[in-house]
Amino acid sequence: MLHEEVRKIPKAYARLEREVAALSGRNHPHVVKLLESDVSAGWFVMEYFPLGSLEKHTDLFRGRALETLLALRPLVEAVTTLHAEVITHRD
């Protein structure tokens, strides 16, 4: 939920609109579902994920680069699917 004062900031409101649009109607095994939203009121509700946020688990892979990359691959694929963007690497 965006606080009423934050909703008045165009950049914050636009970000909320983009996030809701990216999640609306999407069903991916590695992304929690958007259950309901009212962008004009500044809120959205997502399904409960019992393991918590990714940030909560940062110590789990500390110092284990390969395991971290392998564990995060489904997340990266999910974000790529949601945003439907092609990422190009240039040297």
Protein backbone atom coordinates (compact mmCIF):
# COMPACT_ATOMS: atom_id res chain seq x y z
CA MET A 1 0.00 0.00 0.00
CA LEU A 2 1.28 3.40 -0.88
CA HIS A 3 0.83 6.09 1.74
CA GLU A 4 -1.42 8.90 0.54
CA GLU A 5 1.50 11.35 0.38
CA VAL A 6 3.60 8.90 -1.66
CA ARG A 7 0.72 8.34 -4.11
CA LYS A 8 1.01 12.03 -5.01
CA ILE A 9 4.55 11.48 -6.29
CA PRO A 10 4.18 10.69 -10.00
CA LYS A 11 7.23 8.42 -10.12
CA ALA A 12 6.01 6.29 -7.19
CA TYR A 13 2.48 6.03 -8.58
CA ALA A 14 3.82 5.08 -12.03
CA ARG A 15 5.96 2.34 -10.48
CA LEU A 16 2.91 0.91 -8.71
CA GLU A 17 1.01 0.94 -12.01
CA ARG A 18 3.87 -0.89 -13.76
CA GLU A 19 4.19 -3.52 -11.03
CA VAL A 20 0.47 -4.27 -11.02
CA ALA A 21 0.38 -4.38 -14.82
CA ALA A 22 3.37 -6.77 -14.91
CA LEU A 23 1.70 -9.15 -12.47
CA SER A 24 -1.91 -8.90 -13.63
CA GLY A 25 -3.17 -12.15 -15.10
CA ARG A 26 0.25 -13.78 -14.89
CA ASN A 27 0.72 -17.28 -13.59
CA HIS A 28 4.30 -18.42 -13.11
CA PRO A 29 5.51 -21.10 -10.69
CA HIS A 30 8.29 -18.85 -9.36
CA VAL A 31 6.27 -15.66 -8.82
CA VAL A 32 3.62 -15.04 -6.19
CA LYS A 33 0.20 -14.28 -7.66
CA LEU A 34 -1.46 -10.90 -7.63
CA LEU A 35 -4.83 -11.50 -5.96
CA GLU A 36 -6.44 -8.09 -6.03
CA SER A 37 -5.52 -4.48 -6.66
CA ASP A 38 -6.82 -0.94 -6.76
CA VAL A 39 -4.10 1.21 -8.26
CA SER A 40 -6.10 4.42 -7.90
CA ALA A 41 -6.33 3.74 -4.15
CA GLY A 42 -2.65 2.79 -4.10
CA TRP A 43 -2.73 -0.85 -3.02
CA PHE A 44 -2.43 -4.45 -4.16
CA VAL A 45 -2.58 -7.85 -2.47
CA MET A 46 -0.41 -10.83 -3.36
CA GLU A 47 -0.64 -14.45 -2.26
CA TYR A 48 1.13 -15.41 0.95
CA PHE A 49 4.57 -16.93 0.53
CA PRO A 50 5.47 -18.81 3.73
CA LEU A 51 9.25 -18.73 3.25
CA GLY A 52 9.40 -14.94 3.32
CA SER A 53 11.32 -12.59 1.10
CA LEU A 54 14.50 -13.35 -0.79
CA GLU A 55 16.29 -10.85 1.42
CA LYS A 56 15.49 -13.01 4.45
CA HIS A 57 17.63 -15.82 2.98
CA THR A 58 20.78 -13.98 1.92
CA ASP A 59 22.98 -15.77 4.48
CA LEU A 60 22.00 -19.15 3.09
CA PHE A 61 24.26 -18.82 0.03
CA ARG A 62 26.96 -16.47 1.33
CA GLY A 63 30.32 -17.57 -0.10
CA ARG A 64 28.73 -20.15 -2.42
CA ALA A 65 28.61 -18.43 -5.80
CA LEU A 66 27.75 -21.41 -8.01
CA GLU A 67 24.96 -22.62 -5.72
CA THR A 68 23.60 -19.08 -5.57
CA LEU A 69 23.50 -18.74 -9.35
CA LEU A 70 21.81 -22.11 -9.74
CA ALA A 71 19.22 -21.28 -7.08
CA LEU A 72 18.46 -17.86 -8.58
CA ARG A 73 18.06 -19.08 -12.15
CA PRO A 74 14.28 -19.77 -11.79
CA LEU A 75 13.83 -16.29 -10.35
CA VAL A 76 15.70 -14.66 -13.23
CA GLU A 77 13.66 -16.66 -15.74
CA ALA A 78 10.43 -15.61 -14.00
CA VAL A 79 11.35 -11.92 -14.05
CA THR A 80 12.34 -12.18 -17.71
CA THR A 81 9.00 -13.81 -18.50
CA LEU A 82 7.06 -11.16 -16.59
CA HIS A 83 8.76 -8.22 -18.22
CA ALA A 84 9.12 -9.89 -21.63
CA GLU A 85 12.37 -8.12 -22.29
CA VAL A 86 15.35 -9.36 -24.20
CA ILE A 87 18.56 -8.63 -22.35
CA THR A 88 21.53 -7.94 -24.59
CA HIS A 89 25.10 -7.97 -23.27
CA ARG A 90 27.59 -5.75 -25.08
CA ASP A 91 31.34 -5.75 -24.51
